[in-house]
Amino acid sequence: MQVTFDFSTAVWTIMGILAYVGVYQWSQPTLPTTPTAPPMGMTKGERVALALTAAVAVITFGSYISHGIKKVEIDKPVPTVSTTISPTAHPSPH
């Protein structure tokens, strides 16, 4: 896969950063209704994970929209590795 950086990539990167900031701000916990109640909502780590996911999704889908998918090979054979295990290598306890 060839990665190119052009103007549209820069635009989608900026859109991804804006999506990150927007999702992070949107997912702030709400203030408790009583002084002893804990805040309701996500933790900081959950908010960061959600915001990063949104940013990566925006950049990825935006790049696909701008550049398109060049080639998808579904039926191409994939190299595999085969191994054989000798019965004497791992004797059974039975």
N, C-alpha and C. Protein backbone atom coordinates (compact mmCIF):
# COMPACT_ATOMS: atom_id res chain seq x y z
N MET A 1 0.85 -1.17 0.00
CA MET A 1 0.00 0.00 0.00
C MET A 1 0.89 1.23 0.00
N GLN A 2 0.66 2.11 -0.91
CA GLN A 2 1.46 3.32 -1.02
C GLN A 2 0.79 4.43 -0.22
N VAL A 3 1.56 5.09 0.61
CA VAL A 3 1.03 6.18 1.41
C VAL A 3 1.53 7.48 0.82
N THR A 4 0.61 8.35 0.49
CA THR A 4 0.98 9.66 -0.04
C THR A 4 0.44 10.74 0.88
N PHE A 5 1.15 11.82 0.96
CA PHE A 5 0.71 12.94 1.78
C PHE A 5 0.52 14.13 0.87
N ASP A 6 -0.72 14.52 0.68
CA ASP A 6 -1.03 15.66 -0.17
C ASP A 6 -2.00 16.57 0.58
N PHE A 7 -2.56 17.52 -0.14
CA PHE A 7 -3.43 18.50 0.50
C PHE A 7 -4.66 17.85 1.13
N SER A 8 -5.27 16.89 0.43
CA SER A 8 -6.47 16.26 0.99
C SER A 8 -6.14 15.47 2.26
N THR A 9 -4.96 14.87 2.30
CA THR A 9 -4.55 14.15 3.52
C THR A 9 -4.39 15.13 4.67
N ALA A 10 -3.82 16.28 4.39
CA ALA A 10 -3.68 17.30 5.44
C ALA A 10 -5.04 17.77 5.92
N VAL A 11 -5.98 17.96 5.00
CA VAL A 11 -7.32 18.39 5.38
C VAL A 11 -7.99 17.34 6.25
N TRP A 12 -7.91 16.06 5.85
CA TRP A 12 -8.54 15.01 6.64
C TRP A 12 -7.85 14.81 7.99
N THR A 13 -6.56 15.08 8.06
CA THR A 13 -5.87 15.02 9.35
C THR A 13 -6.38 16.12 10.27
N ILE A 14 -6.56 17.31 9.74
CA ILE A 14 -7.12 18.41 10.55
C ILE A 14 -8.54 18.07 10.98
N MET A 15 -9.33 17.50 10.07
CA MET A 15 -10.69 17.09 10.43
C MET A 15 -10.67 16.02 11.53
N GLY A 16 -9.70 15.12 11.47
CA GLY A 16 -9.56 14.10 12.51
C GLY A 16 -9.22 14.71 13.86
N ILE A 17 -8.35 15.71 13.85
CA ILE A 17 -7.99 16.40 15.10
C ILE A 17 -9.21 17.12 15.66
N LEU A 18 -9.97 17.77 14.79
CA LEU A 18 -11.20 18.44 15.24
C LEU A 18 -12.21 17.43 15.77
N ALA A 19 -12.30 16.27 15.14
CA ALA A 19 -13.20 15.22 15.63
C ALA A 19 -12.75 14.75 17.00
N TYR A 20 -11.43 14.61 17.19
CA TYR A 20 -10.89 14.20 18.49
C TYR A 20 -11.31 15.20 19.57
N VAL A 21 -11.07 16.47 19.31
CA VAL A 21 -11.39 17.51 20.30
C VAL A 21 -12.89 17.54 20.57
N GLY A 22 -13.69 17.45 19.52
CA GLY A 22 -15.13 17.50 19.69
C GLY A 22 -15.67 16.33 20.49
N VAL A 23 -15.21 15.12 20.18
CA VAL A 23 -15.69 13.94 20.90
C VAL A 23 -15.20 13.97 22.34
N TYR A 24 -13.96 14.41 22.56
CA TYR A 24 -13.43 14.48 23.92
C TYR A 24 -14.24 15.47 24.76
N GLN A 25 -14.56 16.63 24.19
CA GLN A 25 -15.35 17.63 24.93
C GLN A 25 -16.78 17.16 25.14
N TRP A 26 -17.36 16.53 24.12
CA TRP A 26 -18.74 16.07 24.19
C TRP A 26 -18.93 14.99 25.26
N SER A 27 -17.89 14.19 25.49
CA SER A 27 -18.03 13.06 26.42
C SER A 27 -17.63 13.39 27.85
N GLN A 28 -17.58 14.67 28.19
CA GLN A 28 -17.24 15.05 29.57
C GLN A 28 -18.31 14.55 30.53
N PRO A 29 -17.88 14.12 31.73
CA PRO A 29 -18.86 13.67 32.71
C PRO A 29 -19.76 14.83 33.15
N THR A 30 -20.99 14.49 33.51
CA THR A 30 -21.91 15.51 34.00
C THR A 30 -21.66 15.75 35.48
N LEU A 31 -22.00 16.92 35.94
CA LEU A 31 -21.81 17.24 37.35
C LEU A 31 -22.80 16.45 38.19
N PRO A 32 -22.39 16.07 39.40
CA PRO A 32 -23.31 15.32 40.25
C PRO A 32 -24.49 16.19 40.70
N THR A 33 -25.61 15.53 40.94
CA THR A 33 -26.80 16.26 41.37
C THR A 33 -26.75 16.59 42.86
N THR A 34 -26.02 15.79 43.61
CA THR A 34 -25.84 16.06 45.04
C THR A 34 -24.35 16.13 45.33
N PRO A 35 -23.97 16.81 46.39
CA PRO A 35 -22.53 16.96 46.68
C PRO A 35 -21.81 15.63 46.93
N THR A 36 -22.50 14.62 47.40
CA THR A 36 -21.82 13.35 47.72
C THR A 36 -21.84 12.36 46.56
N ALA A 37 -22.61 12.64 45.52
CA ALA A 37 -22.70 11.71 44.39
C ALA A 37 -21.48 11.85 43.48
N PRO A 38 -21.00 10.73 42.93
CA PRO A 38 -19.87 10.81 41.99
C PRO A 38 -20.35 11.34 40.64
N PRO A 39 -19.45 11.93 39.86
CA PRO A 39 -19.84 12.40 38.52
C PRO A 39 -20.26 11.22 37.64
N MET A 40 -21.23 11.46 36.78
CA MET A 40 -21.72 10.42 35.88
C MET A 40 -21.03 10.57 34.52
N GLY A 41 -20.58 9.48 33.97
CA GLY A 41 -19.98 9.53 32.64
C GLY A 41 -18.73 8.68 32.55
N MET A 42 -17.98 8.91 31.49
CA MET A 42 -16.79 8.12 31.22
C MET A 42 -15.58 8.66 31.97
N THR A 43 -14.61 7.77 32.19
CA THR A 43 -13.35 8.19 32.78
C THR A 43 -12.52 8.90 31.71
N LYS A 44 -11.42 9.51 32.13
CA LYS A 44 -10.57 10.23 31.18
C LYS A 44 -9.99 9.26 30.14
N GLY A 45 -9.58 8.08 30.58
CA GLY A 45 -9.03 7.10 29.64
C GLY A 45 -10.05 6.64 28.61
N GLU A 46 -11.29 6.44 29.05
CA GLU A 46 -12.35 6.05 28.12
C GLU A 46 -12.64 7.16 27.12
N ARG A 47 -12.61 8.40 27.59
CA ARG A 47 -12.84 9.54 26.70
C ARG A 47 -11.74 9.65 25.66
N VAL A 48 -10.48 9.45 26.08
CA VAL A 48 -9.35 9.53 25.15
C VAL A 48 -9.46 8.41 24.11
N ALA A 49 -9.79 7.19 24.57
CA ALA A 49 -9.92 6.07 23.63
C ALA A 49 -11.03 6.32 22.61
N LEU A 50 -12.16 6.82 23.07
CA LEU A 50 -13.27 7.12 22.16
C LEU A 50 -12.88 8.22 21.17
N ALA A 51 -12.22 9.26 21.66
CA ALA A 51 -11.83 10.37 20.80
C ALA A 51 -10.78 9.94 19.77
N LEU A 52 -9.82 9.11 20.19
CA LEU A 52 -8.81 8.61 19.24
C LEU A 52 -9.46 7.73 18.17
N THR A 53 -10.41 6.91 18.59
CA THR A 53 -11.11 6.06 17.62
C THR A 53 -11.84 6.92 16.59
N ALA A 54 -12.51 7.96 17.06
CA ALA A 54 -13.22 8.85 16.14
C ALA A 54 -12.25 9.55 15.19
N ALA A 55 -11.12 10.01 15.71
CA ALA A 55 -10.15 10.71 14.87
C ALA A 55 -9.57 9.79 13.80
N VAL A 56 -9.21 8.58 14.19
CA VAL A 56 -8.66 7.62 13.22
C VAL A 56 -9.70 7.26 12.17
N ALA A 57 -10.95 7.10 12.60
CA ALA A 57 -12.02 6.78 11.65
C ALA A 57 -12.21 7.91 10.64
N VAL A 58 -12.19 9.14 11.10
CA VAL A 58 -12.37 10.28 10.19
C VAL A 58 -11.21 10.35 9.19
N ILE A 59 -9.99 10.19 9.66
CA ILE A 59 -8.83 10.25 8.77
C ILE A 59 -8.86 9.09 7.77
N THR A 60 -9.17 7.88 8.25
CA THR A 60 -9.18 6.71 7.37
C THR A 60 -10.26 6.82 6.30
N PHE A 61 -11.49 7.08 6.72
CA PHE A 61 -12.57 7.17 5.75
C PHE A 61 -12.41 8.37 4.83
N GLY A 62 -11.90 9.46 5.35
CA GLY A 62 -11.66 10.62 4.50
C GLY A 62 -10.61 10.35 3.45
N SER A 63 -9.56 9.63 3.82
CA SER A 63 -8.53 9.27 2.84
C SER A 63 -9.09 8.36 1.77
N TYR A 64 -9.92 7.40 2.17
CA TYR A 64 -10.54 6.52 1.18
C TYR A 64 -11.48 7.29 0.26
N ILE A 65 -12.19 8.26 0.81
CA ILE A 65 -13.08 9.08 -0.02
C ILE A 65 -12.26 9.89 -1.02
N SER A 66 -11.15 10.47 -0.57
CA SER A 66 -10.34 11.32 -1.43
C SER A 66 -9.56 10.52 -2.48
N HIS A 67 -8.96 9.42 -2.06
CA HIS A 67 -8.05 8.68 -2.93
C HIS A 67 -8.68 7.43 -3.53
N GLY A 68 -9.69 6.91 -2.89
CA GLY A 68 -10.30 5.67 -3.36
C GLY A 68 -9.45 4.47 -3.00
N ILE A 69 -10.04 3.32 -3.15
CA ILE A 69 -9.32 2.07 -2.91
C ILE A 69 -8.80 1.61 -4.26
N LYS A 70 -7.49 1.50 -4.37
CA LYS A 70 -6.87 1.19 -5.65
C LYS A 70 -7.15 -0.25 -6.08
N LYS A 71 -6.93 -1.20 -5.19
CA LYS A 71 -7.04 -2.59 -5.58
C LYS A 71 -7.31 -3.42 -4.34
N VAL A 72 -8.30 -4.28 -4.43
CA VAL A 72 -8.60 -5.19 -3.33
C VAL A 72 -8.48 -6.60 -3.88
N GLU A 73 -7.60 -7.39 -3.28
CA GLU A 73 -7.42 -8.77 -3.72
C GLU A 73 -7.94 -9.69 -2.63
N ILE A 74 -9.09 -10.30 -2.90
CA ILE A 74 -9.70 -11.16 -1.89
C ILE A 74 -9.26 -12.60 -2.07
N ASP A 75 -9.19 -13.07 -3.32
CA ASP A 75 -8.91 -14.48 -3.58
C ASP A 75 -7.42 -14.79 -3.77
N LYS A 76 -6.57 -13.86 -3.47
CA LYS A 76 -5.13 -14.09 -3.65
C LYS A 76 -4.65 -15.07 -2.59
N PRO A 77 -3.91 -16.11 -2.99
CA PRO A 77 -3.43 -17.06 -1.98
C PRO A 77 -2.43 -16.41 -1.02
N VAL A 78 -2.52 -16.81 0.21
CA VAL A 78 -1.66 -16.26 1.24
C VAL A 78 -0.63 -17.32 1.61
N PRO A 79 0.65 -16.95 1.70
CA PRO A 79 1.65 -17.94 2.09
C PRO A 79 1.39 -18.45 3.50
N THR A 80 1.49 -19.76 3.67
CA THR A 80 1.25 -20.35 4.98
C THR A 80 2.46 -21.16 5.41
N VAL A 81 2.53 -21.44 6.67
CA VAL A 81 3.60 -22.25 7.23
C VAL A 81 2.96 -23.48 7.85
N SER A 82 3.49 -24.65 7.51
CA SER A 82 2.95 -25.87 8.10
C SER A 82 4.01 -26.48 9.00
N THR A 83 3.54 -27.05 10.08
CA THR A 83 4.45 -27.70 11.02
C THR A 83 3.91 -29.09 11.32
N THR A 84 4.82 -29.99 11.61
CA THR A 84 4.42 -31.33 12.03
C THR A 84 5.02 -31.59 13.40
N ILE A 85 4.22 -32.21 14.23
CA ILE A 85 4.67 -32.54 15.58
C ILE A 85 4.83 -34.04 15.66
N SER A 86 6.00 -34.47 16.05
CA SER A 86 6.27 -35.89 16.19
C SER A 86 5.63 -36.40 17.48
N PRO A 87 5.03 -37.59 17.45
CA PRO A 87 4.44 -38.12 18.69
C PRO A 87 5.48 -38.38 19.77
N THR A 88 6.73 -38.57 19.40
CA THR A 88 7.76 -38.81 20.41
C THR A 88 8.26 -37.52 21.03
N ALA A 89 7.99 -36.40 20.38
CA ALA A 89 8.46 -35.12 20.92
C ALA A 89 7.69 -34.73 22.17
N HIS A 90 6.41 -35.06 22.23
CA HIS A 90 5.57 -34.73 23.37
C HIS A 90 4.84 -36.00 23.82
N PRO A 91 5.46 -36.82 24.63
CA PRO A 91 4.78 -38.06 25.03
C PRO A 91 3.55 -37.77 25.88
N SER A 92 2.52 -38.54 25.64
CA SER A 92 1.26 -38.39 26.37
C SER A 92 1.40 -39.00 27.76
N PRO A 93 0.85 -38.37 28.79
CA PRO A 93 0.97 -38.94 30.14
C PRO A 93 0.08 -40.16 30.33
N HIS A 94 -0.79 -40.48 29.39
CA HIS A 94 -1.72 -41.61 29.55
C HIS A 94 -1.07 -42.88 29.11
